[in-house]
Amino acid sequence: MFEYEMHQLRAADLTREADRRRLLREAREAKAARAERRSARQEAEGRVSTGQWRTRFTRAA
């Protein structure tokens, strides 16, 4: 009987460990997807300025 109870405890422990690893993997994937969306959004709407040495407006004629 003792061996069966030890087996049940070990199986429950392995199940908890698998669940924990699955949650960590899903969190990493979600974080990577957010970072990818953020970088794609920043590339589409990047800065327009070409440098600090240029003036903001053209000179009047």
PDB file of N, CA and C in Angstrom:
ATOM      1  N   MET A   1       0.816  -1.194   0.000  1.00  0.00           N
ATOM      2  CA  MET A   1       0.000   0.000   0.000  1.00  0.00           C
ATOM      3  C   MET A   1       0.866   1.268   0.000  1.00  0.00           C
ATOM      4  N   PHE A   2       1.959   1.218   0.741  1.00  0.00           N
ATOM      5  CA  PHE A   2       2.828   2.384   0.835  1.00  0.00           C
ATOM      6  C   PHE A   2       3.397   2.750  -0.537  1.00  0.00           C
ATOM      7  N   GLU A   3       3.798   1.769  -1.329  1.00  0.00           N
ATOM      8  CA  GLU A   3       4.361   2.036  -2.649  1.00  0.00           C
ATOM      9  C   GLU A   3       3.322   2.683  -3.567  1.00  0.00           C
ATOM     10  N   TYR A   4       2.071   2.245  -3.466  1.00  0.00           N
ATOM     11  CA  TYR A   4       1.009   2.830  -4.281  1.00  0.00           C
ATOM     12  C   TYR A   4       0.804   4.296  -3.912  1.00  0.00           C
ATOM     13  N   GLU A   5       0.795   4.607  -2.623  1.00  0.00           N
ATOM     14  CA  GLU A   5       0.630   5.993  -2.185  1.00  0.00           C
ATOM     15  C   GLU A   5       1.814   6.854  -2.640  1.00  0.00           C
ATOM     16  N   MET A   6       3.012   6.304  -2.572  1.00  0.00           N
ATOM     17  CA  MET A   6       4.179   7.036  -3.052  1.00  0.00           C
ATOM     18  C   MET A   6       4.066   7.287  -4.562  1.00  0.00           C
ATOM     19  N   HIS A   7       3.564   6.298  -5.275  1.00  0.00           N
ATOM     20  CA  HIS A   7       3.373   6.463  -6.716  1.00  0.00           C
ATOM     21  C   HIS A   7       2.359   7.567  -7.002  1.00  0.00           C
ATOM     22  N   GLN A   8       1.271   7.599  -6.255  1.00  0.00           N
ATOM     23  CA  GLN A   8       0.252   8.630  -6.440  1.00  0.00           C
ATOM     24  C   GLN A   8       0.826  10.013  -6.152  1.00  0.00           C
ATOM     25  N   LEU A   9       1.610  10.125  -5.089  1.00  0.00           N
ATOM     26  CA  LEU A   9       2.229  11.414  -4.764  1.00  0.00           C
ATOM     27  C   LEU A   9       3.190  11.854  -5.862  1.00  0.00           C
ATOM     28  N   ARG A  10       3.973  10.900  -6.364  1.00  0.00           N
ATOM     29  CA  ARG A  10       4.934  11.234  -7.425  1.00  0.00           C
ATOM     30  C   ARG A  10       4.210  11.644  -8.705  1.00  0.00           C
ATOM     31  N   ALA A  11       3.141  10.942  -9.040  1.00  0.00           N
ATOM     32  CA  ALA A  11       2.372  11.286 -10.237  1.00  0.00           C
ATOM     33  C   ALA A  11       1.763  12.684 -10.108  1.00  0.00           C
ATOM     34  N   ALA A  12       1.250  13.015  -8.926  1.00  0.00           N
ATOM     35  CA  ALA A  12       0.685  14.348  -8.702  1.00  0.00           C
ATOM     36  C   ALA A  12       1.776  15.416  -8.801  1.00  0.00           C
ATOM     37  N   ASP A  13       2.955  15.111  -8.277  1.00  0.00           N
ATOM     38  CA  ASP A  13       4.078  16.044  -8.344  1.00  0.00           C
ATOM     39  C   ASP A  13       4.503  16.277  -9.796  1.00  0.00           C
ATOM     40  N   LEU A  14       4.566  15.205 -10.572  1.00  0.00           N
ATOM     41  CA  LEU A  14       4.938  15.344 -11.981  1.00  0.00           C
ATOM     42  C   LEU A  14       3.885  16.137 -12.760  1.00  0.00           C
ATOM     43  N   THR A  15       2.634  15.941 -12.431  1.00  0.00           N
ATOM     44  CA  THR A  15       1.557  16.690 -13.092  1.00  0.00           C
ATOM     45  C   THR A  15       1.678  18.181 -12.781  1.00  0.00           C
ATOM     46  N   ARG A  16       1.938  18.510 -11.505  1.00  0.00           N
ATOM     47  CA  ARG A  16       2.118  19.925 -11.130  1.00  0.00           C
ATOM     48  C   ARG A  16       3.319  20.535 -11.846  1.00  0.00           C
ATOM     49  N   GLU A  17       4.408  19.787 -11.934  1.00  0.00           N
ATOM     50  CA  GLU A  17       5.606  20.280 -12.622  1.00  0.00           C
ATOM     51  C   GLU A  17       5.332  20.512 -14.108  1.00  0.00           C
ATOM     52  N   ALA A  18       4.605  19.597 -14.736  1.00  0.00           N
ATOM     53  CA  ALA A  18       4.269  19.759 -16.155  1.00  0.00           C
ATOM     54  C   ALA A  18       3.379  20.983 -16.362  1.00  0.00           C
ATOM     55  N   ASP A  19       2.419  21.181 -15.466  1.00  0.00           N
ATOM     56  CA  ASP A  19       1.559  22.362 -15.568  1.00  0.00           C
ATOM     57  C   ASP A  19       2.357  23.646 -15.408  1.00  0.00           C
ATOM     58  N   ARG A  20       3.305  23.648 -14.462  1.00  0.00           N
ATOM     59  CA  ARG A  20       4.123  24.836 -14.236  1.00  0.00           C
ATOM     60  C   ARG A  20       4.967  25.147 -15.467  1.00  0.00           C
ATOM     61  N   ARG A  21       5.559  24.110 -16.050  1.00  0.00           N
ATOM     62  CA  ARG A  21       6.377  24.325 -17.251  1.00  0.00           C
ATOM     63  C   ARG A  21       5.537  24.792 -18.429  1.00  0.00           C
ATOM     64  N   ARG A  22       4.329  24.267 -18.555  1.00  0.00           N
ATOM     65  CA  ARG A  22       3.435  24.689 -19.635  1.00  0.00           C
ATOM     66  C   ARG A  22       3.079  26.164 -19.481  1.00  0.00           C
ATOM     67  N   LEU A  23       2.764  26.580 -18.256  1.00  0.00           N
ATOM     68  CA  LEU A  23       2.432  27.984 -18.019  1.00  0.00           C
ATOM     69  C   LEU A  23       3.620  28.896 -18.315  1.00  0.00           C
ATOM     70  N   LEU A  24       4.821  28.477 -17.929  1.00  0.00           N
ATOM     71  CA  LEU A  24       6.009  29.282 -18.227  1.00  0.00           C
ATOM     72  C   LEU A  24       6.229  29.410 -19.730  1.00  0.00           C
ATOM     73  N   ARG A  25       6.052  28.296 -20.455  1.00  0.00           N
ATOM     74  CA  ARG A  25       6.232  28.329 -21.908  1.00  0.00           C
ATOM     75  C   ARG A  25       5.207  29.259 -22.559  1.00  0.00           C
ATOM     76  N   GLU A  26       3.946  29.160 -22.104  1.00  0.00           N
ATOM     77  CA  GLU A  26       2.910  30.024 -22.673  1.00  0.00           C
ATOM     78  C   GLU A  26       3.190  31.491 -22.363  1.00  0.00           C
ATOM     79  N   ALA A  27       3.694  31.776 -21.174  1.00  0.00           N
ATOM     80  CA  ALA A  27       4.013  33.162 -20.816  1.00  0.00           C
ATOM     81  C   ALA A  27       5.152  33.692 -21.684  1.00  0.00           C
ATOM     82  N   ARG A  28       6.191  32.865 -21.911  1.00  0.00           N
ATOM     83  CA  ARG A  28       7.295  33.296 -22.778  1.00  0.00           C
ATOM     84  C   ARG A  28       6.811  33.540 -24.197  1.00  0.00           C
ATOM     85  N   GLU A  29       5.945  32.661 -24.698  1.00  0.00           N
ATOM     86  CA  GLU A  29       5.429  32.837 -26.059  1.00  0.00           C
ATOM     87  C   GLU A  29       4.584  34.098 -26.163  1.00  0.00           C
ATOM     88  N   ALA A  30       3.770  34.366 -25.141  1.00  0.00           N
ATOM     89  CA  ALA A  30       2.942  35.573 -25.156  1.00  0.00           C
ATOM     90  C   ALA A  30       3.821  36.825 -25.097  1.00  0.00           C
ATOM     91  N   LYS A  31       4.868  36.783 -24.282  1.00  0.00           N
ATOM     92  CA  LYS A  31       5.776  37.932 -24.186  1.00  0.00           C
ATOM     93  C   LYS A  31       6.481  38.173 -25.513  1.00  0.00           C
ATOM     94  N   ALA A  32       6.912  37.095 -26.162  1.00  0.00           N
ATOM     95  CA  ALA A  32       7.587  37.231 -27.456  1.00  0.00           C
ATOM     96  C   ALA A  32       6.623  37.772 -28.510  1.00  0.00           C
ATOM     97  N   ALA A  33       5.370  37.332 -28.480  1.00  0.00           N
ATOM     98  CA  ALA A  33       4.385  37.816 -29.448  1.00  0.00           C
ATOM     99  C   ALA A  33       4.110  39.300 -29.230  1.00  0.00           C
ATOM    100  N   ARG A  34       4.017  39.735 -27.962  1.00  0.00           N
ATOM    101  CA  ARG A  34       3.815  41.160 -27.675  1.00  0.00           C
ATOM    102  C   ARG A  34       4.987  41.980 -28.164  1.00  0.00           C
ATOM    103  N   ALA A  35       6.197  41.502 -27.924  1.00  0.00           N
ATOM    104  CA  ALA A  35       7.389  42.233 -28.369  1.00  0.00           C
ATOM    105  C   ALA A  35       7.434  42.312 -29.887  1.00  0.00           C
ATOM    106  N   GLU A  36       7.039  41.249 -30.553  1.00  0.00           N
ATOM    107  CA  GLU A  36       7.035  41.254 -32.013  1.00  0.00           C
ATOM    108  C   GLU A  36       6.012  42.240 -32.555  1.00  0.00           C
ATOM    109  N   ARG A  37       4.822  42.260 -31.956  1.00  0.00           N
ATOM    110  CA  ARG A  37       3.798  43.220 -32.385  1.00  0.00           C
ATOM    111  C   ARG A  37       4.268  44.646 -32.130  1.00  0.00           C
ATOM    112  N   ARG A  38       4.915  44.871 -30.980  1.00  0.00           N
ATOM    113  CA  ARG A  38       5.389  46.207 -30.637  1.00  0.00           C
ATOM    114  C   ARG A  38       6.445  46.670 -31.629  1.00  0.00           C
ATOM    115  N   SER A  39       7.382  45.787 -31.978  1.00  0.00           N
ATOM    116  CA  SER A  39       8.432  46.186 -32.912  1.00  0.00           C
ATOM    117  C   SER A  39       7.854  46.412 -34.309  1.00  0.00           C
ATOM    118  N   ALA A  40       6.878  45.611 -34.699  1.00  0.00           N
ATOM    119  CA  ALA A  40       6.251  45.805 -36.010  1.00  0.00           C
ATOM    120  C   ALA A  40       5.504  47.130 -36.048  1.00  0.00           C
ATOM    121  N   ARG A  41       4.864  47.479 -34.955  1.00  0.00           N
ATOM    122  CA  ARG A  41       4.126  48.746 -34.902  1.00  0.00           C
ATOM    123  C   ARG A  41       5.098  49.913 -34.941  1.00  0.00           C
ATOM    124  N   GLN A  42       6.235  49.797 -34.268  1.00  0.00           N
ATOM    125  CA  GLN A  42       7.206  50.890 -34.262  1.00  0.00           C
ATOM    126  C   GLN A  42       7.866  51.046 -35.623  1.00  0.00           C
ATOM    127  N   GLU A  43       8.082  49.947 -36.329  1.00  0.00           N
ATOM    128  CA  GLU A  43       8.682  50.043 -37.654  1.00  0.00           C
ATOM    129  C   GLU A  43       7.724  50.713 -38.629  1.00  0.00           C
ATOM    130  N   ALA A  44       6.441  50.453 -38.495  1.00  0.00           N
ATOM    131  CA  ALA A  44       5.467  51.045 -39.400  1.00  0.00           C
ATOM    132  C   ALA A  44       5.303  52.540 -39.135  1.00  0.00           C
ATOM    133  N   GLU A  45       5.508  52.953 -37.900  1.00  0.00           N
ATOM    134  CA  GLU A  45       5.313  54.354 -37.542  1.00  0.00           C
ATOM    135  C   GLU A  45       6.597  54.911 -36.941  1.00  0.00           C
ATOM    136  N   GLY A  46       7.659  54.847 -37.682  1.00  0.00           N
ATOM    137  CA  GLY A  46       8.955  55.303 -37.188  1.00  0.00           C
ATOM    138  C   GLY A  46       9.064  56.815 -37.171  1.00  0.00           C
ATOM    139  N   ARG A  47      10.186  57.299 -36.680  1.00  0.00           N
ATOM    140  CA  ARG A  47      10.428  58.737 -36.631  1.00  0.00           C
ATOM    141  C   ARG A  47      10.628  59.283 -38.042  1.00  0.00           C
ATOM    142  N   VAL A  48      10.198  60.520 -38.229  1.00  0.00           N
ATOM    143  CA  VAL A  48      10.274  61.136 -39.534  1.00  0.00           C
ATOM    144  C   VAL A  48      11.479  62.054 -39.646  1.00  0.00           C
ATOM    145  N   SER A  49      11.962  62.565 -38.555  1.00  0.00           N
ATOM    146  CA  SER A  49      13.063  63.528 -38.612  1.00  0.00           C
ATOM    147  C   SER A  49      14.306  62.882 -39.201  1.00  0.00           C
ATOM    148  N   THR A  50      15.042  63.687 -39.957  1.00  0.00           N
ATOM    149  CA  THR A  50      16.235  63.179 -40.631  1.00  0.00           C
ATOM    150  C   THR A  50      17.508  63.599 -39.939  1.00  0.00           C
ATOM    151  N   GLY A  51      17.436  64.445 -38.965  1.00  0.00           N
ATOM    152  CA  GLY A  51      18.637  64.870 -38.278  1.00  0.00           C
ATOM    153  C   GLY A  51      18.409  66.171 -37.528  1.00  0.00           C
ATOM    154  N   GLN A  52      19.297  66.487 -36.618  1.00  0.00           N
ATOM    155  CA  GLN A  52      19.139  67.700 -35.835  1.00  0.00           C
ATOM    156  C   GLN A  52      19.667  68.926 -36.554  1.00  0.00           C
ATOM    157  N   TRP A  53      20.509  68.748 -37.542  1.00  0.00           N
ATOM    158  CA  TRP A  53      21.112  69.898 -38.208  1.00  0.00           C
ATOM    159  C   TRP A  53      20.146  70.565 -39.166  1.00  0.00           C
ATOM    160  N   ARG A  54      19.075  69.921 -39.560  1.00  0.00           N
ATOM    161  CA  ARG A  54      18.101  70.548 -40.463  1.00  0.00           C
ATOM    162  C   ARG A  54      17.109  71.386 -39.677  1.00  0.00           C
ATOM    163  N   THR A  55      16.667  72.439 -40.300  1.00  0.00           N
ATOM    164  CA  THR A  55      15.652  73.261 -39.649  1.00  0.00           C
ATOM    165  C   THR A  55      14.295  72.612 -39.823  1.00  0.00           C
ATOM    166  N   ARG A  56      13.388  73.006 -38.999  1.00  0.00           N
ATOM    167  CA  ARG A  56      12.065  72.386 -39.020  1.00  0.00           C
ATOM    168  C   ARG A  56      11.249  72.853 -40.226  1.00  0.00           C
ATOM    169  N   PHE A  57      11.394  74.125 -40.612  1.00  0.00           N
ATOM    170  CA  PHE A  57      10.621  74.667 -41.720  1.00  0.00           C
ATOM    171  C   PHE A  57      11.574  75.171 -42.808  1.00  0.00           C
ATOM    172  N   THR A  58      11.092  75.182 -44.017  1.00  0.00           N
ATOM    173  CA  THR A  58      11.908  75.719 -45.101  1.00  0.00           C
ATOM    174  C   THR A  58      11.934  77.249 -45.010  1.00  0.00           C
ATOM    175  N   ARG A  59      12.900  77.850 -45.677  1.00  0.00           N
ATOM    176  CA  ARG A  59      13.020  79.307 -45.641  1.00  0.00           C
ATOM    177  C   ARG A  59      11.998  79.945 -46.574  1.00  0.00           C
ATOM    178  N   ALA A  60      11.528  81.068 -46.156  1.00  0.00           N
ATOM    179  CA  ALA A  60      10.581  81.806 -46.990  1.00  0.00           C
ATOM    180  C   ALA A  60      11.334  82.492 -48.123  1.00  0.00           C
ATOM    181  N   ALA A  61      10.686  82.601 -49.243  1.00  0.00           N
ATOM    182  CA  ALA A  61      11.331  83.219 -50.403  1.00  0.00           C
ATOM    183  C   ALA A  61      11.280  84.723 -50.339  1.00  0.00           C
TER     184      ALA A  61
END
